Protein backbone atom coordinates (compact mmCIF):
# COMPACT_ATOMS: atom_id res chain seq x y z
CA MET A 1 -11.25 -1.59 -33.53
CA ALA A 2 -8.99 -3.91 -31.08
CA ARG A 3 -5.83 -1.89 -32.02
CA GLN A 4 -7.68 1.59 -31.31
CA GLN A 5 -8.91 0.07 -27.90
CA GLU A 6 -5.53 -0.92 -26.89
CA ARG A 7 -4.09 2.36 -27.97
CA ALA A 8 -6.85 4.15 -25.76
CA ARG A 9 -5.98 1.98 -22.81
CA ARG A 10 -2.36 2.79 -23.02
CA THR A 11 -2.92 6.34 -23.39
CA ARG A 12 -5.17 6.35 -20.30
CA ALA A 13 -2.58 4.30 -18.30
CA ALA A 14 0.24 6.80 -19.25
CA ILE A 15 -1.82 9.80 -18.31
CA ILE A 16 -2.58 8.22 -14.96
CA ARG A 17 0.95 7.29 -14.61
CA SER A 18 2.31 10.82 -15.31
CA ALA A 19 -0.25 12.17 -12.88
CA ALA A 20 0.82 9.77 -10.24
CA VAL A 21 4.28 11.16 -10.46
CA GLU A 22 3.08 14.83 -10.45
CA PHE A 23 0.92 14.43 -7.46
CA GLY A 24 3.26 12.52 -5.67
CA LYS A 25 5.78 15.18 -6.32
CA SER A 26 3.78 18.36 -5.89
CA GLY A 27 0.43 17.51 -4.04
CA TYR A 28 -2.78 17.82 -5.51
CA ALA A 29 -3.48 21.77 -5.25
CA ALA A 30 -0.02 22.69 -6.95
CA ALA A 31 -0.06 19.81 -9.47
CA SER A 32 0.16 21.07 -12.98
CA LEU A 33 -1.88 19.53 -15.78
CA ASN A 34 0.42 20.78 -18.55
CA ARG A 35 3.42 18.80 -16.46
CA ILE A 36 1.11 15.88 -16.70
CA LEU A 37 0.59 16.09 -20.32
CA GLU A 38 4.32 16.39 -20.96
CA GLY A 39 5.07 13.37 -18.86
CA SER A 40 2.49 11.27 -20.62
CA ARG A 41 2.98 12.53 -24.21
CA ALA A 42 -0.68 12.69 -24.71
CA THR A 43 -2.51 15.44 -26.01
CA LYS A 44 -4.81 17.91 -24.20
CA GLY A 45 -7.88 16.39 -26.29
CA ALA A 46 -6.75 12.76 -25.18
CA MET A 47 -6.73 13.72 -21.37
CA TYR A 48 -10.11 15.17 -21.77
CA PHE A 49 -11.47 12.37 -23.50
CA HIS A 50 -10.52 10.08 -20.42
CA PHE A 51 -10.71 12.69 -17.51
CA ASP A 52 -13.04 15.37 -17.05
CA SER A 53 -11.08 17.48 -14.66
CA LYS A 54 -7.94 17.15 -12.45
CA GLU A 55 -10.01 15.70 -9.63
CA ASP A 56 -11.18 13.07 -11.77
CA LEU A 57 -7.59 12.20 -12.61
CA ALA A 58 -6.68 12.05 -9.02
CA ARG A 59 -9.56 9.69 -8.24
CA ALA A 60 -8.19 7.65 -11.18
CA VAL A 61 -4.88 7.34 -9.45
CA LEU A 62 -6.68 6.64 -6.26
CA GLU A 63 -8.68 3.78 -7.59
CA THR A 64 -5.55 2.23 -9.40
CA ALA A 65 -3.71 2.44 -5.84
CA VAL A 66 -6.60 0.56 -4.33
CA GLU A 67 -6.61 -1.99 -6.90
CA ARG A 68 -3.06 -2.53 -6.24
CA TYR A 69 -3.54 -3.04 -2.33
CA ARG A 70 -6.49 -5.14 -2.96
CA ALA A 71 -4.62 -7.47 -5.27
CA SER A 72 -1.52 -7.52 -2.97
CA ALA A 73 -3.73 -8.53 0.09
CA GLU A 74 -5.66 -11.18 -1.90
CA ARG A 75 -2.41 -12.80 -2.92
CA TRP A 76 -1.17 -12.80 0.42
CA LEU A 77 -4.18 -14.06 2.10
CA ALA A 78 -4.31 -16.79 -0.42
CA ARG A 79 -0.99 -18.20 0.76
CA THR A 80 -1.34 -21.52 2.47
CA ASP A 81 2.41 -22.52 2.93
CA LEU A 82 2.89 -20.02 5.66
CA GLY A 83 1.63 -19.43 9.20
CA PRO A 84 -0.48 -16.44 9.27
CA LEU A 85 2.06 -14.13 10.92
CA ASP A 86 4.53 -14.82 8.24
CA VAL A 87 1.86 -13.90 5.84
CA MET A 88 1.23 -10.75 7.63
CA HIS A 89 4.93 -9.81 7.57
CA GLY A 90 5.19 -10.71 3.79
CA MET A 91 2.26 -8.50 3.15
CA ILE A 92 3.56 -5.51 5.30
CA ASP A 93 7.05 -5.90 3.83
CA GLU A 94 5.49 -5.69 0.35
CA MET A 95 3.69 -2.48 1.28
CA ALA A 96 6.74 -0.96 2.55
CA LEU A 97 8.42 -1.84 -0.76
CA ARG A 98 5.51 -0.30 -2.70
CA LEU A 99 5.62 3.08 -0.71
CA GLU A 100 9.46 3.20 -1.42
CA HIS A 101 9.07 2.22 -5.33
CA ASP A 102 5.68 2.41 -6.67
CA ILE A 103 4.61 5.73 -7.75
CA ILE A 104 0.89 4.83 -7.71
CA VAL A 105 0.90 3.91 -4.34
CA GLN A 106 3.14 6.98 -3.25
CA ALA A 107 0.68 9.24 -4.99
CA GLU A 108 -2.42 7.79 -3.16
CA TYR A 109 -0.46 8.35 0.02
CA ARG A 110 0.25 12.10 -0.79
CA LEU A 111 -3.39 12.62 -2.26
CA ILE A 112 -5.22 11.09 1.07
CA ILE A 113 -3.32 13.54 3.67
CA GLU A 114 -4.64 16.67 1.65
CA PRO A 115 -7.89 18.17 2.61
CA ASP A 116 -9.68 17.66 -0.79
CA PHE A 117 -9.30 13.87 -0.12
CA TYR A 118 -9.56 13.10 3.72
CA ARG A 119 -12.68 11.21 3.28
CA ASP A 120 -11.05 8.73 0.72
CA VAL A 121 -9.01 7.48 3.69
CA GLN A 122 -12.21 5.50 4.49
CA THR A 123 -12.05 3.69 1.39
CA GLY A 124 -8.33 3.64 0.65
CA GLY A 125 -5.48 1.09 0.70
CA GLY A 126 -5.11 1.54 4.49
CA ARG A 127 -8.51 0.17 5.09
CA ILE A 128 -8.03 -2.87 2.81
CA LEU A 129 -4.42 -3.59 4.50
CA GLY A 130 -6.33 -3.21 7.84
CA ARG A 131 -8.98 -5.69 7.00
CA ALA A 132 -6.33 -8.16 5.77
CA THR A 133 -4.39 -7.80 8.86
CA ARG A 134 -7.46 -8.44 11.08
CA SER A 135 -8.19 -11.54 9.10
CA LEU A 136 -4.59 -12.92 9.55
CA THR A 137 -4.88 -11.81 13.32
CA VAL A 138 -7.92 -14.06 13.91
CA ARG A 139 -6.18 -16.96 11.92
CA ALA A 140 -3.07 -16.49 14.20
CA ILE A 141 -5.22 -16.79 17.37
CA ASP A 142 -7.00 -19.73 15.96
CA GLN A 143 -3.70 -21.55 14.97
CA GLY A 144 -1.92 -20.69 18.40
CA GLN A 145 0.59 -18.12 17.18
CA LEU A 146 -1.29 -15.42 19.02
CA ARG A 147 -2.63 -16.10 22.77
CA ALA A 148 -6.30 -17.25 23.05
CA ASP A 149 -7.04 -14.03 24.87
CA ALA A 150 -5.60 -11.75 22.27
CA ASP A 151 -8.07 -8.99 20.94
CA ALA A 152 -7.83 -9.17 17.07
CA ASP A 153 -9.47 -5.68 16.91
CA ARG A 154 -6.77 -4.01 19.35
CA PHE A 155 -3.93 -5.91 17.50
CA THR A 156 -5.05 -4.29 14.23
CA ARG A 157 -5.60 -0.94 15.50
CA THR A 158 -2.20 -0.79 17.28
CA LEU A 159 -0.39 -2.31 14.30
CA THR A 160 -1.94 0.00 11.68
CA ALA A 161 -1.57 3.10 13.69
CA ALA A 162 2.30 2.04 14.21
CA LEU A 163 2.95 1.54 10.67
CA ALA A 164 1.17 5.05 9.86
CA GLY A 165 3.23 6.69 12.44
CA GLN A 166 6.51 5.11 11.06
CA ARG A 167 5.59 6.41 7.34
CA TYR A 168 4.80 9.94 8.71
CA MET A 169 8.16 9.95 10.82
CA ILE A 170 10.16 9.31 7.85
CA ASP A 171 8.60 12.32 5.98
CA ALA A 172 9.41 14.41 9.25
CA HIS A 173 13.01 13.45 9.46
CA GLY A 174 13.82 13.03 5.79
CA SER A 175 15.44 10.34 3.68
CA GLY A 176 17.95 7.77 4.84
CA ILE A 177 15.48 5.60 6.91
CA ASP A 178 14.90 2.40 5.94
CA LEU A 179 10.95 1.88 5.85
CA ARG A 180 10.95 -1.76 5.50
CA SER A 181 12.90 -2.28 8.80
CA ARG A 182 10.68 0.26 10.52
CA PHE A 183 7.66 -1.72 9.48
CA GLU A 184 9.20 -4.99 10.62
CA GLU A 185 10.07 -3.52 13.89
CA ALA A 186 6.63 -1.97 14.38
CA LEU A 187 5.18 -5.64 13.53
CA GLU A 188 7.49 -7.37 15.70
CA VAL A 189 6.67 -5.23 18.72
CA VAL A 190 3.01 -5.70 18.65
CA ILE A 191 3.10 -9.42 18.08
CA GLU A 192 5.39 -9.80 20.76
CA SER A 193 2.89 -8.22 23.10
CA MET A 194 0.45 -11.02 22.16
CA ALA A 195 2.27 -13.93 20.79
CA THR A 196 2.37 -17.47 22.48
CA PRO A 197 5.67 -18.66 24.16
CA GLU A 198 5.69 -21.49 21.54
CA TRP A 199 5.50 -18.95 18.58
CA THR A 200 8.04 -16.72 20.21
CA GLU A 201 10.40 -19.40 20.90
CA LYS A 202 10.40 -20.47 17.21
CA PHE A 203 10.62 -17.13 15.98
CA ARG A 204 13.80 -16.46 17.93
CA SER A 205 15.16 -19.32 16.38
CA ASP A 206 14.17 -19.02 12.84
CA GLY A 207 13.20 -15.41 12.17
CA TRP A 208 10.73 -14.53 9.35
CA ARG A 209 10.21 -17.02 6.67
CA THR A 210 9.24 -14.76 4.02
CA HIS A 211 10.01 -11.27 2.58
CA ALA A 212 8.57 -9.36 -0.61
CA ARG A 213 10.79 -9.24 -3.43
CA LEU A 214 10.64 -6.02 -5.61
CA GLU A 215 11.30 -7.87 -8.83
CA GLU A 216 8.07 -9.89 -8.06
CA LEU A 217 5.97 -6.74 -7.90
CA SER A 218 4.12 -5.21 -10.73
CA LEU A 219 4.90 -1.53 -10.57
CA GLY A 220 3.64 -0.41 -14.08
CA LEU A 221 0.25 0.18 -15.48
């Protein structure tokens, strides 16, 4: 029984992964169930055992991406060895890495900009990232890294919009643009508008204390 359950889990994971590749490449409407099956090496019966439809499969990809956003945010929020702005930088740097290398996160980005899934933006990875950013902003104000009169909501709205804009701009201008450096640039511009002189001086001397590392990320299912 345990062996059968493990086989079923692996089959489901393989189908989700293959679906993420297909949705990320072709979008939802043009995605082919046959190509998803070919990529997963599963049977049609196995696919319909786990998923009722293409939409059901797409939502499984979205849910998997949200789980990754949530796990990443929770892991960074739990860091006590870094100040809140360094934690924020590490978390955002990881998101850039995932958007470049994680097919599940890439597929989520592609799906939520399509009409069939517009509503999922409200519960997607971006919302989780926004909540974590606001929490870290409040910490940064409390710890004197951002000015006492800084508005945490304004900071979060501006930063998340800037990050989304950078991601869209890369699509518009094609490859060859380093998303991590663009995300870092957007973060620094927003922070500089609200940072305390003490933090700014230390940052100019020391720079960021941490970066995400691709080899430390779990990119499989």
